[in-house]
Amino acid sequence: MDLSVKSPENITFMIDQISEKLRMLNIGAIKGDAFDEEMYEDLKYLYEMVMRKDSFSPSEMQAIAEELGALRK
């Protein structure tokens, strides 16, 4: 998958991967179509940061969830 291309499919992929990696309980609440392509670079940065780490503290998970909320339309 070429994440350098801004597309709704890539947004959905990154959101799904972040949700899976963080084992978020309410995955259905975060959908790719809720994010604007204008925020793509910020979302990609968050995705890359999440994928690099193996585990997260509760405060880190909270901060990531808040950032996802801020990036939504």
C-alpha atoms as a PDB file:
ATOM      1  CA  MET A   1       0.000   0.000   0.000  1.00  0.00           C
ATOM      2  CA  ASP A   2       1.407   3.386  -1.008  1.00  0.00           C
ATOM      3  CA  LEU A   3       0.615   5.712   1.878  1.00  0.00           C
ATOM      4  CA  SER A   4       2.262   8.635   0.128  1.00  0.00           C
ATOM      5  CA  VAL A   5      -0.947   8.954  -1.920  1.00  0.00           C
ATOM      6  CA  LYS A   6      -3.807  10.809  -0.242  1.00  0.00           C
ATOM      7  CA  SER A   7      -6.898   8.684  -0.684  1.00  0.00           C
ATOM      8  CA  PRO A   8      -9.955   7.637   1.311  1.00  0.00           C
ATOM      9  CA  GLU A   9      -8.758   4.027   1.101  1.00  0.00           C
ATOM     10  CA  ASN A  10      -5.417   4.917   2.690  1.00  0.00           C
ATOM     11  CA  ILE A  11      -7.154   6.880   5.432  1.00  0.00           C
ATOM     12  CA  THR A  12      -9.381   3.902   6.199  1.00  0.00           C
ATOM     13  CA  PHE A  13      -6.370   1.572   6.183  1.00  0.00           C
ATOM     14  CA  MET A  14      -4.413   3.747   8.637  1.00  0.00           C
ATOM     15  CA  ILE A  15      -7.397   4.152  10.989  1.00  0.00           C
ATOM     16  CA  ASP A  16      -8.023   0.400  10.950  1.00  0.00           C
ATOM     17  CA  GLN A  17      -4.362  -0.342  11.667  1.00  0.00           C
ATOM     18  CA  ILE A  18      -4.187   2.193  14.519  1.00  0.00           C
ATOM     19  CA  SER A  19      -7.384   0.787  16.044  1.00  0.00           C
ATOM     20  CA  GLU A  20      -6.086  -2.766  15.774  1.00  0.00           C
ATOM     21  CA  LYS A  21      -2.658  -1.947  17.195  1.00  0.00           C
ATOM     22  CA  LEU A  22      -4.154  -0.096  20.154  1.00  0.00           C
ATOM     23  CA  ARG A  23      -6.843  -2.757  20.608  1.00  0.00           C
ATOM     24  CA  MET A  24      -9.453  -0.039  20.844  1.00  0.00           C
ATOM     25  CA  LEU A  25     -12.724  -1.441  22.104  1.00  0.00           C
ATOM     26  CA  ASN A  26     -14.946   0.931  20.158  1.00  0.00           C
ATOM     27  CA  ILE A  27     -13.434   0.488  16.700  1.00  0.00           C
ATOM     28  CA  GLY A  28     -16.788   1.187  15.051  1.00  0.00           C
ATOM     29  CA  ALA A  29     -16.754   4.725  16.414  1.00  0.00           C
ATOM     30  CA  ILE A  30     -13.675   5.573  14.367  1.00  0.00           C
ATOM     31  CA  LYS A  31     -14.297   5.311  10.645  1.00  0.00           C
ATOM     32  CA  GLY A  32     -12.028   6.405   7.837  1.00  0.00           C
ATOM     33  CA  ASP A  33     -14.728   8.494   6.177  1.00  0.00           C
ATOM     34  CA  ALA A  34     -14.825  10.719   9.275  1.00  0.00           C
ATOM     35  CA  PHE A  35     -11.410  12.117   8.364  1.00  0.00           C
ATOM     36  CA  ASP A  36     -10.703  14.821   5.815  1.00  0.00           C
ATOM     37  CA  GLU A  37      -7.895  14.403   3.293  1.00  0.00           C
ATOM     38  CA  GLU A  38      -6.621  17.836   4.379  1.00  0.00           C
ATOM     39  CA  MET A  39      -5.509  16.186   7.642  1.00  0.00           C
ATOM     40  CA  TYR A  40      -3.830  13.301   5.798  1.00  0.00           C
ATOM     41  CA  GLU A  41      -0.242  14.206   6.711  1.00  0.00           C
ATOM     42  CA  ASP A  42      -1.102  14.530  10.406  1.00  0.00           C
ATOM     43  CA  LEU A  43      -2.906  11.192  10.342  1.00  0.00           C
ATOM     44  CA  LYS A  44       0.017   9.569   8.512  1.00  0.00           C
ATOM     45  CA  TYR A  45       2.446  10.910  11.115  1.00  0.00           C
ATOM     46  CA  LEU A  46       0.263   9.511  13.921  1.00  0.00           C
ATOM     47  CA  TYR A  47      -0.028   6.175  12.098  1.00  0.00           C
ATOM     48  CA  GLU A  48       3.758   5.892  11.674  1.00  0.00           C
ATOM     49  CA  MET A  49       4.339   6.742  15.336  1.00  0.00           C
ATOM     50  CA  VAL A  50       1.832   4.131  16.507  1.00  0.00           C
ATOM     51  CA  MET A  51       3.254   1.443  14.218  1.00  0.00           C
ATOM     52  CA  ARG A  52       6.800   2.008  15.539  1.00  0.00           C
ATOM     53  CA  LYS A  53       5.908   1.290  19.178  1.00  0.00           C
ATOM     54  CA  ASP A  54       5.258  -2.123  20.662  1.00  0.00           C
ATOM     55  CA  SER A  55       3.242  -1.023  23.674  1.00  0.00           C
ATOM     56  CA  PHE A  56       1.498   2.053  25.024  1.00  0.00           C
ATOM     57  CA  SER A  57       0.832   3.408  28.474  1.00  0.00           C
ATOM     58  CA  PRO A  58      -2.739   4.349  29.337  1.00  0.00           C
ATOM     59  CA  SER A  59      -1.843   8.039  29.086  1.00  0.00           C
ATOM     60  CA  GLU A  60      -0.310   7.506  25.628  1.00  0.00           C
ATOM     61  CA  MET A  61      -3.443   5.683  24.473  1.00  0.00           C
ATOM     62  CA  GLN A  62      -5.561   8.547  25.782  1.00  0.00           C
ATOM     63  CA  ALA A  63      -3.403  11.096  23.954  1.00  0.00           C
ATOM     64  CA  ILE A  64      -3.627   9.121  20.694  1.00  0.00           C
ATOM     65  CA  ALA A  65      -7.413   8.841  21.026  1.00  0.00           C
ATOM     66  CA  GLU A  66      -7.632  12.594  21.648  1.00  0.00           C
ATOM     67  CA  GLU A  67      -5.465  13.307  18.611  1.00  0.00           C
ATOM     68  CA  LEU A  68      -7.657  11.078  16.439  1.00  0.00           C
ATOM     69  CA  GLY A  69     -10.669  12.980  17.728  1.00  0.00           C
ATOM     70  CA  ALA A  70      -9.019  16.302  16.860  1.00  0.00           C
ATOM     71  CA  LEU A  71      -8.267  15.116  13.307  1.00  0.00           C
ATOM     72  CA  ARG A  72     -11.882  14.155  12.567  1.00  0.00           C
ATOM     73  CA  LYS A  73     -14.049  16.333  10.321  1.00  0.00           C
END
